[in-house]
C-alpha atoms as a PDB file:
ATOM      1  CA  UNK A   1     137.571   2.688 126.456  1.00  0.00           C
ATOM      2  CA  UNK A   2     139.314   4.810 129.005  1.00  0.00           C
ATOM      3  CA  UNK A   3     138.511   8.396 129.941  1.00  0.00           C
ATOM      4  CA  UNK A   4     141.418   9.883 127.969  1.00  0.00           C
ATOM      5  CA  UNK A   5     140.196   8.351 124.754  1.00  0.00           C
ATOM      6  CA  UNK A   6     136.709   9.688 125.322  1.00  0.00           C
ATOM      7  CA  UNK A   7     138.084  13.163 126.000  1.00  0.00           C
ATOM      8  CA  UNK A   8     140.142  13.129 122.811  1.00  0.00           C
ATOM      9  CA  UNK A   9     137.159  12.032 120.756  1.00  0.00           C
ATOM     10  CA  UNK A  10     134.990  14.766 122.243  1.00  0.00           C
ATOM     11  CA  UNK A  11     137.661  17.357 121.531  1.00  0.00           C
ATOM     12  CA  UNK A  12     137.897  16.172 117.943  1.00  0.00           C
ATOM     13  CA  UNK A  13     134.137  16.398 117.484  1.00  0.00           C
ATOM     14  CA  UNK A  14     134.045  19.901 118.929  1.00  0.00           C
ATOM     15  CA  UNK A  15     136.894  20.974 116.652  1.00  0.00           C
ATOM     16  CA  UNK A  16     135.127  19.562 113.632  1.00  0.00           C
ATOM     17  CA  UNK A  17     131.931  21.398 114.569  1.00  0.00           C
ATOM     18  CA  UNK A  18     133.819  24.661 115.029  1.00  0.00           C
ATOM     19  CA  UNK A  19     135.521  24.244 111.677  1.00  0.00           C
ATOM     20  CA  UNK A  20     132.255  23.505 109.938  1.00  0.00           C
ATOM     21  CA  UNK A  21     130.588  26.512 111.525  1.00  0.00           C
ATOM     22  CA  UNK A  22     133.474  28.754 110.509  1.00  0.00           C
ATOM     23  CA  UNK A  23     133.295  27.471 106.961  1.00  0.00           C
ATOM     24  CA  UNK A  24     130.241  29.600 106.258  1.00  0.00           C
ATOM     25  CA  UNK A  25     129.719  33.375 106.559  1.00  0.00           C
ATOM     26  CA  UNK A  26     126.448  35.274 106.229  1.00  0.00           C
ATOM     27  CA  UNK A  27     126.645  38.649 104.486  1.00  0.00           C
ATOM     28  CA  UNK A  28     123.760  41.118 104.933  1.00  0.00           C
ATOM     29  CA  UNK A  29     122.219  42.979 101.946  1.00  0.00           C
ATOM     30  CA  UNK A  30     123.763  46.214 103.235  1.00  0.00           C
ATOM     31  CA  UNK A  31     127.274  44.779 102.865  1.00  0.00           C
ATOM     32  CA  UNK A  32     129.570  43.140 100.354  1.00  0.00           C
ATOM     33  CA  UNK A  33     132.398  40.711 101.165  1.00  0.00           C
ATOM     34  CA  UNK A  34     135.986  40.367 100.111  1.00  0.00           C
ATOM     35  CA  UNK A  35     137.315  36.837 100.722  1.00  0.00           C
ATOM     36  CA  UNK A  36     141.065  36.629 101.292  1.00  0.00           C
ATOM     37  CA  UNK A  37     143.106  33.437 101.329  1.00  0.00           C
ATOM     38  CA  UNK A  38     146.307  33.509 103.321  1.00  0.00           C
ATOM     39  CA  UNK A  39     146.305  37.337 103.189  1.00  0.00           C
ATOM     40  CA  UNK A  40     145.670  37.592  99.443  1.00  0.00           C
ATOM     41  CA  UNK A  41     142.451  38.607  97.738  1.00  0.00           C
ATOM     42  CA  UNK A  42     140.714  35.522  96.377  1.00  0.00           C
ATOM     43  CA  UNK A  43     137.127  36.279  95.418  1.00  0.00           C
ATOM     44  CA  UNK A  44     134.159  38.604  95.857  1.00  0.00           C
ATOM     45  CA  UNK A  45     131.196  37.695  98.045  1.00  0.00           C
ATOM     46  CA  UNK A  46     127.698  39.042  97.650  1.00  0.00           C
ATOM     47  CA  UNK A  47     124.808  39.169 100.078  1.00  0.00           C
ATOM     48  CA  UNK A  48     123.772  35.831 101.579  1.00  0.00           C
ATOM     49  CA  UNK A  49     125.668  32.678 102.597  1.00  0.00           C
ATOM     50  CA  UNK A  50     129.333  32.506 101.541  1.00  0.00           C
ATOM     51  CA  UNK A  51     131.712  29.555 101.975  1.00  0.00           C
ATOM     52  CA  UNK A  52     135.267  29.955 103.194  1.00  0.00           C
ATOM     53  CA  UNK A  53     138.037  27.611 104.164  1.00  0.00           C
ATOM     54  CA  UNK A  54     138.576  27.636 107.912  1.00  0.00           C
ATOM     55  CA  UNK A  55     141.893  28.959 109.205  1.00  0.00           C
ATOM     56  CA  UNK A  56     142.986  29.707 105.640  1.00  0.00           C
ATOM     57  CA  UNK A  57     140.474  32.253 104.384  1.00  0.00           C
ATOM     58  CA  UNK A  58     138.878  35.257 106.011  1.00  0.00           C
ATOM     59  CA  UNK A  59     136.014  37.547 105.046  1.00  0.00           C
ATOM     60  CA  UNK A  60     136.206  41.377 105.018  1.00  0.00           C
ATOM     61  CA  UNK A  61     132.734  42.919 105.115  1.00  0.00           C
ATOM     62  CA  UNK A  62     132.258  46.379 103.531  1.00  0.00           C
ATOM     63  CA  UNK A  63     129.237  48.625 104.202  1.00  0.00           C
ATOM     64  CA  UNK A  64     127.712  49.928 100.950  1.00  0.00           C
ATOM     65  CA  UNK A  65     124.988  52.123 102.469  1.00  0.00           C
ATOM     66  CA  UNK A  66     125.112  55.947 102.411  1.00  0.00           C
ATOM     67  CA  UNK A  67     127.286  57.247 105.219  1.00  0.00           C
ATOM     68  CA  UNK A  68     127.827  60.601 106.895  1.00  0.00           C
ATOM     69  CA  UNK A  69     131.056  62.130 108.161  1.00  0.00           C
ATOM     70  CA  UNK A  70     131.431  65.562 109.749  1.00  0.00           C
ATOM     71  CA  UNK A  71     134.306  67.900 109.098  1.00  0.00           C
ATOM     72  CA  UNK A  72     134.871  69.216 112.596  1.00  0.00           C
ATOM     73  CA  UNK A  73     134.683  73.021 113.137  1.00  0.00           C
ATOM     74  CA  UNK A  74     137.877  74.860 112.238  1.00  0.00           C
ATOM     75  CA  UNK A  75     139.115  78.456 112.131  1.00  0.00           C
ATOM     76  CA  UNK A  76     139.495  79.742 108.576  1.00  0.00           C
ATOM     77  CA  UNK A  77     140.854  83.159 107.599  1.00  0.00           C
ATOM     78  CA  UNK A  78     138.648  84.756 104.972  1.00  0.00           C
ATOM     79  CA  UNK A  79     139.737  87.059 102.179  1.00  0.00           C
ATOM     80  CA  UNK A  80     138.940  90.134 104.286  1.00  0.00           C
ATOM     81  CA  UNK A  81     141.232  88.904 107.141  1.00  0.00           C
ATOM     82  CA  UNK A  82     138.484  87.682 109.465  1.00  0.00           C
ATOM     83  CA  UNK A  83     138.544  84.420 111.412  1.00  0.00           C
ATOM     84  CA  UNK A  84     135.449  82.357 110.711  1.00  0.00           C
ATOM     85  CA  UNK A  85     134.516  79.058 112.308  1.00  0.00           C
ATOM     86  CA  UNK A  86     133.435  76.653 109.584  1.00  0.00           C
ATOM     87  CA  UNK A  87     132.241  73.068 109.559  1.00  0.00           C
ATOM     88  CA  UNK A  88     130.561  70.828 106.997  1.00  0.00           C
ATOM     89  CA  UNK A  89     129.005  67.417 106.444  1.00  0.00           C
ATOM     90  CA  UNK A  90     129.844  64.952 103.689  1.00  0.00           C
ATOM     91  CA  UNK A  91     127.477  62.215 102.514  1.00  0.00           C
ATOM     92  CA  UNK A  92     129.036  59.333 100.565  1.00  0.00           C
ATOM     93  CA  UNK A  93     128.703  55.616  99.875  1.00  0.00           C
ATOM     94  CA  UNK A  94     130.925  52.758  98.708  1.00  0.00           C
ATOM     95  CA  UNK A  95     129.849  51.620  95.264  1.00  0.00           C
ATOM     96  CA  UNK A  96     128.702  48.012  95.392  1.00  0.00           C
ATOM     97  CA  UNK A  97     130.509  46.494  92.423  1.00  0.00           C
ATOM     98  CA  UNK A  98     133.591  44.339  93.000  1.00  0.00           C
ATOM     99  CA  UNK A  99     136.228  46.771  91.747  1.00  0.00           C
ATOM    100  CA  UNK A 100     135.031  49.665  93.896  1.00  0.00           C
ATOM    101  CA  UNK A 101     134.681  47.501  96.990  1.00  0.00           C
ATOM    102  CA  UNK A 102     138.248  46.302  96.472  1.00  0.00           C
ATOM    103  CA  UNK A 103     139.408  49.905  95.880  1.00  0.00           C
ATOM    104  CA  UNK A 104     137.981  51.176  99.184  1.00  0.00           C
ATOM    105  CA  UNK A 105     139.974  48.503 101.021  1.00  0.00           C
ATOM    106  CA  UNK A 106     143.197  48.291  99.021  1.00  0.00           C
ATOM    107  CA  UNK A 107     143.627  51.808  97.527  1.00  0.00           C
ATOM    108  CA  UNK A 108     143.120  53.889 100.680  1.00  0.00           C
ATOM    109  CA  UNK A 109     144.090  53.211 104.287  1.00  0.00           C
ATOM    110  CA  UNK A 110     140.874  54.511 105.956  1.00  0.00           C
ATOM    111  CA  UNK A 111     138.490  56.270 103.626  1.00  0.00           C
ATOM    112  CA  UNK A 112     136.270  57.585 106.436  1.00  0.00           C
ATOM    113  CA  UNK A 113     139.102  59.414 108.176  1.00  0.00           C
ATOM    114  CA  UNK A 114     140.769  60.594 105.025  1.00  0.00           C
ATOM    115  CA  UNK A 115     137.643  62.021 103.421  1.00  0.00           C
ATOM    116  CA  UNK A 116     137.122  64.156 106.547  1.00  0.00           C
ATOM    117  CA  UNK A 117     140.625  65.576 106.334  1.00  0.00           C
ATOM    118  CA  UNK A 118     140.225  66.174 102.600  1.00  0.00           C
ATOM    119  CA  UNK A 119     136.962  68.059 103.204  1.00  0.00           C
ATOM    120  CA  UNK A 120     138.575  70.290 105.861  1.00  0.00           C
ATOM    121  CA  UNK A 121     141.488  71.155 103.578  1.00  0.00           C
ATOM    122  CA  UNK A 122     139.189  71.877 100.634  1.00  0.00           C
ATOM    123  CA  UNK A 123     137.038  74.180 102.779  1.00  0.00           C
ATOM    124  CA  UNK A 124     140.063  76.226 103.766  1.00  0.00           C
ATOM    125  CA  UNK A 125     141.058  76.632 100.147  1.00  0.00           C
ATOM    126  CA  UNK A 126     137.566  77.689  99.016  1.00  0.00           C
ATOM    127  CA  UNK A 127     136.629  80.074 101.832  1.00  0.00           C
ATOM    128  CA  UNK A 128     140.081  81.648 101.837  1.00  0.00           C
ATOM    129  CA  UNK A 129     139.244  83.176  98.449  1.00  0.00           C
ATOM    130  CA  UNK A 130     135.961  84.728  99.668  1.00  0.00           C
ATOM    131  CA  UNK A 131     135.033  87.518 102.034  1.00  0.00           C
ATOM    132  CA  UNK A 132     132.887  86.709 105.040  1.00  0.00           C
ATOM    133  CA  UNK A 133     129.840  88.273 103.405  1.00  0.00           C
ATOM    134  CA  UNK A 134     130.423  86.332 100.187  1.00  0.00           C
ATOM    135  CA  UNK A 135     130.891  83.092 102.115  1.00  0.00           C
ATOM    136  CA  UNK A 136     127.553  83.573 103.866  1.00  0.00           C
ATOM    137  CA  UNK A 137     125.712  84.518 100.697  1.00  0.00           C
ATOM    138  CA  UNK A 138     127.277  81.869  98.419  1.00  0.00           C
ATOM    139  CA  UNK A 139     126.702  78.678 100.369  1.00  0.00           C
ATOM    140  CA  UNK A 140     125.423  76.821  97.313  1.00  0.00           C
ATOM    141  CA  UNK A 141     128.556  77.722  95.396  1.00  0.00           C
ATOM    142  CA  UNK A 142     130.768  76.503  98.257  1.00  0.00           C
ATOM    143  CA  UNK A 143     128.847  73.224  98.498  1.00  0.00           C
ATOM    144  CA  UNK A 144     129.157  72.667  94.751  1.00  0.00           C
ATOM    145  CA  UNK A 145     132.910  73.340  94.709  1.00  0.00           C
ATOM    146  CA  UNK A 146     133.485  71.135  97.755  1.00  0.00           C
ATOM    147  CA  UNK A 147     131.530  68.249  96.252  1.00  0.00           C
ATOM    148  CA  UNK A 148     133.322  68.569  92.903  1.00  0.00           C
ATOM    149  CA  UNK A 149     136.759  68.549  94.529  1.00  0.00           C
ATOM    150  CA  UNK A 150     135.970  65.547  96.755  1.00  0.00           C
ATOM    151  CA  UNK A 151     134.563  63.594  93.794  1.00  0.00           C
ATOM    152  CA  UNK A 152     137.776  64.158  91.825  1.00  0.00           C
ATOM    153  CA  UNK A 153     140.128  63.355  94.701  1.00  0.00           C
ATOM    154  CA  UNK A 154     138.274  60.197  95.784  1.00  0.00           C
ATOM    155  CA  UNK A 155     137.832  58.790  92.307  1.00  0.00           C
ATOM    156  CA  UNK A 156     140.234  55.900  93.041  1.00  0.00           C
ATOM    157  CA  UNK A 157     138.838  55.176  96.497  1.00  0.00           C
ATOM    158  CA  UNK A 158     135.793  53.302  95.209  1.00  0.00           C
ATOM    159  CA  UNK A 159     133.361  55.721  96.874  1.00  0.00           C
ATOM    160  CA  UNK A 160     130.699  58.057  95.513  1.00  0.00           C
ATOM    161  CA  UNK A 161     130.249  61.526  97.058  1.00  0.00           C
ATOM    162  CA  UNK A 162     126.463  62.001  97.193  1.00  0.00           C
ATOM    163  CA  UNK A 163     126.316  65.586  98.520  1.00  0.00           C
ATOM    164  CA  UNK A 164     127.999  68.057 100.836  1.00  0.00           C
ATOM    165  CA  UNK A 165     126.409  70.519 103.244  1.00  0.00           C
ATOM    166  CA  UNK A 166     128.069  73.599 104.713  1.00  0.00           C
ATOM    167  CA  UNK A 167     126.682  73.744 108.258  1.00  0.00           C
ATOM    168  CA  UNK A 168     127.937  76.948 109.842  1.00  0.00           C
ATOM    169  CA  UNK A 169     130.083  79.982 109.075  1.00  0.00           C
ATOM    170  CA  UNK A 170     130.426  81.830 112.369  1.00  0.00           C
ATOM    171  CA  UNK A 171     132.338  85.141 112.450  1.00  0.00           C
ATOM    172  CA  UNK A 172     134.098  86.429 115.611  1.00  0.00           C
ATOM    173  CA  UNK A 173     131.756  87.786 118.334  1.00  0.00           C
ATOM    174  CA  UNK A 174     132.625  91.465 117.735  1.00  0.00           C
ATOM    175  CA  UNK A 175     132.112  91.066 114.001  1.00  0.00           C
ATOM    176  CA  UNK A 176     128.846  89.272 114.669  1.00  0.00           C
ATOM    177  CA  UNK A 177     127.646  92.172 116.842  1.00  0.00           C
ATOM    178  CA  UNK A 178     128.554  94.667 114.124  1.00  0.00           C
ATOM    179  CA  UNK A 179     126.793  92.591 111.506  1.00  0.00           C
ATOM    180  CA  UNK A 180     123.713  92.415 113.703  1.00  0.00           C
ATOM    181  CA  UNK A 181     123.690  96.206 114.013  1.00  0.00           C
ATOM    182  CA  UNK A 182     124.007  96.548 110.242  1.00  0.00           C
ATOM    183  CA  UNK A 183     121.170  94.097 109.680  1.00  0.00           C
ATOM    184  CA  UNK A 184     119.015  95.924 112.212  1.00  0.00           C
ATOM    185  CA  UNK A 185     119.719  99.251 110.504  1.00  0.00           C
ATOM    186  CA  UNK A 186     118.849  97.756 107.121  1.00  0.00           C
ATOM    187  CA  UNK A 187     115.622  96.326 108.496  1.00  0.00           C
ATOM    188  CA  UNK A 188     114.726  99.702 110.018  1.00  0.00           C
ATOM    189  CA  UNK A 189     115.449 101.398 106.713  1.00  0.00           C
ATOM    190  CA  UNK A 190     113.278  98.910 104.841  1.00  0.00           C
ATOM    191  CA  UNK A 191     110.484  99.342 107.396  1.00  0.00           C
ATOM    192  CA  UNK A 192     110.627 103.131 107.014  1.00  0.00           C
ATOM    193  CA  UNK A 193     110.549 102.832 103.248  1.00  0.00           C
ATOM    194  CA  UNK A 194     107.588 100.483 103.459  1.00  0.00           C
ATOM    195  CA  UNK A 195     105.793 102.893 105.801  1.00  0.00           C
ATOM    196  CA  UNK A 196     106.482 105.816 103.467  1.00  0.00           C
ATOM    197  CA  UNK A 197     105.277 103.791 100.512  1.00  0.00           C
ATOM    198  CA  UNK A 198     102.119 102.832 102.376  1.00  0.00           C
ATOM    199  CA  UNK A 199     101.454 106.477 103.324  1.00  0.00           C
ATOM    200  CA  UNK A 200     102.026 107.577  99.743  1.00  0.00           C
ATOM    201  CA  UNK A 201      99.712 104.862  98.489  1.00  0.00           C
ATOM    202  CA  UNK A 202      97.027 105.932 100.962  1.00  0.00           C
ATOM    203  CA  UNK A 203      97.356 109.598  99.951  1.00  0.00           C
ATOM    204  CA  UNK A 204      97.235 108.660  96.290  1.00  0.00           C
ATOM    205  CA  UNK A 205      94.125 106.592  96.947  1.00  0.00           C
ATOM    206  CA  UNK A 206      92.424 109.483  98.732  1.00  0.00           C
ATOM    207  CA  UNK A 207      93.366 111.851  95.911  1.00  0.00           C
ATOM    208  CA  UNK A 208      91.963 109.456  93.332  1.00  0.00           C
ATOM    209  CA  UNK A 209      88.781 109.102  95.389  1.00  0.00           C
ATOM    210  CA  UNK A 210      88.366 112.895  95.508  1.00  0.00           C
ATOM    211  CA  UNK A 211      88.975 113.116  91.767  1.00  0.00           C
ATOM    212  CA  UNK A 212      86.402 110.421  91.145  1.00  0.00           C
ATOM    213  CA  UNK A 213      83.904 112.227  93.391  1.00  0.00           C
ATOM    214  CA  UNK A 214      84.507 115.544  91.588  1.00  0.00           C
ATOM    215  CA  UNK A 215      84.162 113.834  88.222  1.00  0.00           C
ATOM    216  CA  UNK A 216      80.910 112.279  89.400  1.00  0.00           C
ATOM    217  CA  UNK A 217      79.525 115.647  90.531  1.00  0.00           C
ATOM    218  CA  UNK A 218      80.634 117.233  87.262  1.00  0.00           C
ATOM    219  CA  UNK A 219      78.999 114.486  85.237  1.00  0.00           C
ATOM    220  CA  UNK A 220      75.807 114.820  87.286  1.00  0.00           C
ATOM    221  CA  UNK A 221      75.749 118.599  86.691  1.00  0.00           C
ATOM    222  CA  UNK A 222      76.350 118.072  82.974  1.00  0.00           C
ATOM    223  CA  UNK A 223      73.562 115.542  82.780  1.00  0.00           C
ATOM    224  CA  UNK A 224      71.223 117.869  84.716  1.00  0.00           C
ATOM    225  CA  UNK A 225      72.063 120.793  82.375  1.00  0.00           C
ATOM    226  CA  UNK A 226      71.542 118.630  79.330  1.00  0.00           C
ATOM    227  CA  UNK A 227      68.215 117.456  80.741  1.00  0.00           C
ATOM    228  CA  UNK A 228      67.103 121.030  81.407  1.00  0.00           C
ATOM    229  CA  UNK A 229      68.204 122.114  77.930  1.00  0.00           C
ATOM    230  CA  UNK A 230      66.351 119.237  76.305  1.00  0.00           C
ATOM    231  CA  UNK A 231      63.257 120.074  78.407  1.00  0.00           C
ATOM    232  CA  UNK A 232      63.391 123.728  77.273  1.00  0.00           C
ATOM    233  CA  UNK A 233      63.842 122.636  73.676  1.00  0.00           C
ATOM    234  CA  UNK A 234      60.872 120.326  73.964  1.00  0.00           C
ATOM    235  CA  UNK A 235      58.750 123.080  75.549  1.00  0.00           C
ATOM    236  CA  UNK A 236      59.815 125.540  72.825  1.00  0.00           C
ATOM    237  CA  UNK A 237      59.018 122.981  70.153  1.00  0.00           C
ATOM    238  CA  UNK A 238      55.645 122.413  71.799  1.00  0.00           C
ATOM    239  CA  UNK A 239      54.938 126.151  71.855  1.00  0.00           C
ATOM    240  CA  UNK A 240      56.030 126.494  68.241  1.00  0.00           C
ATOM    241  CA  UNK A 241      53.763 123.642  67.212  1.00  0.00           C
ATOM    242  CA  UNK A 242      50.872 125.224  69.121  1.00  0.00           C
ATOM    243  CA  UNK A 243      51.466 128.592  67.437  1.00  0.00           C
ATOM    244  CA  UNK A 244      51.719 126.877  64.088  1.00  0.00           C
ATOM    245  CA  UNK A 245      48.427 125.097  64.641  1.00  0.00           C
ATOM    246  CA  UNK A 246      46.780 128.383  65.725  1.00  0.00           C
ATOM    247  CA  UNK A 247      48.127 130.169  62.632  1.00  0.00           C
ATOM    248  CA  UNK A 248      46.946 127.386  60.352  1.00  0.00           C
ATOM    249  CA  UNK A 249      43.515 127.496  61.959  1.00  0.00           C
ATOM    250  CA  UNK A 250      43.380 131.273  61.673  1.00  0.00           C
ATOM    251  CA  UNK A 251      44.365 131.150  58.009  1.00  0.00           C
ATOM    252  CA  UNK A 252      41.858 128.435  57.320  1.00  0.00           C
ATOM    253  CA  UNK A 253      38.841 129.517  59.341  1.00  0.00           C
ATOM    254  CA  UNK A 254      39.116 133.273  60.045  1.00  0.00           C
ATOM    255  CA  UNK A 255      40.535 134.839  56.861  1.00  0.00           C
ATOM    256  CA  UNK A 256      37.054 135.774  55.428  1.00  0.00           C
ATOM    257  CA  UNK A 257      35.860 137.236  58.710  1.00  0.00           C
ATOM    258  CA  UNK A 258      39.037 139.264  58.966  1.00  0.00           C
ATOM    259  CA  UNK A 259      38.392 140.758  55.540  1.00  0.00           C
ATOM    260  CA  UNK A 260      34.833 141.659  56.498  1.00  0.00           C
ATOM    261  CA  UNK A 261      36.047 143.234  59.691  1.00  0.00           C
ATOM    262  CA  UNK A 262      38.574 145.235  57.726  1.00  0.00           C
ATOM    263  CA  UNK A 263      35.895 146.573  55.381  1.00  0.00           C
ATOM    264  CA  UNK A 264      33.676 147.512  58.306  1.00  0.00           C
ATOM    265  CA  UNK A 265      36.589 149.390  59.807  1.00  0.00           C
ATOM    266  CA  UNK A 266      37.077 151.184  56.478  1.00  0.00           C
ATOM    267  CA  UNK A 267      33.383 152.228  56.409  1.00  0.00           C
ATOM    268  CA  UNK A 268      33.593 153.471  59.956  1.00  0.00           C
ATOM    269  CA  UNK A 269      36.641 155.502  59.046  1.00  0.00           C
ATOM    270  CA  UNK A 270      34.798 156.933  56.047  1.00  0.00           C
ATOM    271  CA  UNK A 271      31.842 158.056  58.156  1.00  0.00           C
ATOM    272  CA  UNK A 272      34.164 159.578  60.677  1.00  0.00           C
ATOM    273  CA  UNK A 273      35.718 161.647  57.878  1.00  0.00           C
ATOM    274  CA  UNK A 274      32.312 163.073  56.752  1.00  0.00           C
ATOM    275  CA  UNK A 275      32.451 161.212  53.508  1.00  0.00           C
ATOM    276  CA  UNK A 276      29.406 161.658  51.317  1.00  0.00           C
ATOM    277  CA  UNK A 277      27.621 158.636  49.857  1.00  0.00           C
ATOM    278  CA  UNK A 278      25.355 158.748  46.820  1.00  0.00           C
ATOM    279  CA  UNK A 279      22.518 156.349  47.254  1.00  0.00           C
ATOM    280  CA  UNK A 280      20.950 155.325  43.946  1.00  0.00           C
ATOM    281  CA  UNK A 281      17.235 155.444  43.695  1.00  0.00           C
ATOM    282  CA  UNK A 282      15.517 152.305  44.784  1.00  0.00           C
ATOM    283  CA  UNK A 283      18.580 151.124  46.837  1.00  0.00           C
ATOM    284  CA  UNK A 284      18.429 150.524  50.505  1.00  0.00           C
ATOM    285  CA  UNK A 285      21.011 152.262  52.633  1.00  0.00           C
ATOM    286  CA  UNK A 286      21.536 149.113  54.595  1.00  0.00           C
ATOM    287  CA  UNK A 287      22.356 147.174  51.423  1.00  0.00           C
ATOM    288  CA  UNK A 288      24.810 149.804  50.339  1.00  0.00           C
ATOM    289  CA  UNK A 289      26.540 149.686  53.675  1.00  0.00           C
ATOM    290  CA  UNK A 290      26.539 145.920  53.563  1.00  0.00           C
ATOM    291  CA  UNK A 291      28.152 145.868  50.149  1.00  0.00           C
ATOM    292  CA  UNK A 292      30.666 148.458  51.204  1.00  0.00           C
ATOM    293  CA  UNK A 293      31.546 146.514  54.310  1.00  0.00           C
ATOM    294  CA  UNK A 294      31.430 143.203  52.474  1.00  0.00           C
ATOM    295  CA  UNK A 295      28.934 141.682  54.926  1.00  0.00           C
ATOM    296  CA  UNK A 296      26.055 139.518  53.883  1.00  0.00           C
ATOM    297  CA  UNK A 297      23.055 141.435  52.628  1.00  0.00           C
ATOM    298  CA  UNK A 298      20.217 141.986  54.982  1.00  0.00           C
ATOM    299  CA  UNK A 299      16.542 141.792  54.114  1.00  0.00           C
ATOM    300  CA  UNK A 300      15.496 144.863  52.039  1.00  0.00           C
ATOM    301  CA  UNK A 301      13.748 147.518  54.040  1.00  0.00           C
ATOM    302  CA  UNK A 302      10.035 147.800  53.212  1.00  0.00           C
ATOM    303  CA  UNK A 303       8.934 151.411  53.032  1.00  0.00           C
ATOM    304  CA  UNK A 304       5.453 152.723  53.552  1.00  0.00           C
ATOM    305  CA  UNK A 305       3.700 155.074  51.093  1.00  0.00           C
ATOM    306  CA  UNK A 306       4.221 157.919  53.532  1.00  0.00           C
ATOM    307  CA  UNK A 307       7.899 157.288  53.496  1.00  0.00           C
ATOM    308  CA  UNK A 308       7.914 157.174  49.699  1.00  0.00           C
ATOM    309  CA  UNK A 309       5.983 160.445  49.501  1.00  0.00           C
ATOM    310  CA  UNK A 310       8.321 162.175  51.862  1.00  0.00           C
ATOM    311  CA  UNK A 311      11.286 160.922  49.952  1.00  0.00           C
ATOM    312  CA  UNK A 312       9.925 162.169  46.689  1.00  0.00           C
ATOM    313  CA  UNK A 313       9.253 165.592  48.206  1.00  0.00           C
ATOM    314  CA  UNK A 314      12.790 165.866  49.590  1.00  0.00           C
ATOM    315  CA  UNK A 315      15.058 168.191  47.615  1.00  0.00           C
ATOM    316  CA  UNK A 316      17.379 166.578  45.193  1.00  0.00           C
ATOM    317  CA  UNK A 317      20.995 166.687  46.002  1.00  0.00           C
ATOM    318  CA  UNK A 318      22.927 169.080  43.866  1.00  0.00           C
ATOM    319  CA  UNK A 319      25.240 166.328  43.041  1.00  0.00           C
END
């Protein structure tokens, strides 16, 4: 066997090996495959090992993970005739079923480039209907409108718009300076209002504290007056009870003595008026006075015979 024959055999073996190696294609889980035969779509390939005919078929791999594209900053004229620099980000993914993977390759030339241009155009249309202040305060509304428009326009591209984010809306420098001054003035105004409110709250608190203190003093004075009044009432009631007890005792224990004393006073008055008393015979003067005064009788006076004789010799009263 000559050298030429050996070289031809080696070349054939290498060619066979190359063809065998090219007959298989590995597709990652993050991709899907479209297998074309002689430039025409033939079949769909999933993740894993896929067979293809060498030199006749080729594999087009399509990424199905979520992707990000940025709408580059652009000058947009707002409704109030101001130039604002606006940019945004769009998150999307190719849907993994066969029809959508085919659509992203056969229905649109380059979906990544075209979705960026569509987002830029949509932003101009949306922000052109808003003032600069509205655009800054209605970011959620702009994001929602942008996402809705992109979802409708890319319906046949086999992609799904996940979300959109408006990054920046930058006004011209002079407008920005004016806006900063306005914001500063508003903040100063709010701070002054807060300070005034705090001062008013403090004054109101002090006034309430003084009112509470005055009410406390008033209540203390009222309670002290009520206590003094109740003490006086109790003392008066005590005095009245004492007087009542004294009166009851006087009525119970001293009424007879008072009557005797009254009679004695009457006798004394009679003697002072030179009243004449007729003393019956055989009656003691002391007994008569005792009966007149209402005092207990004393022991009868015992007279001697001399006293009896002198009494009998005394002239009889004319009366």
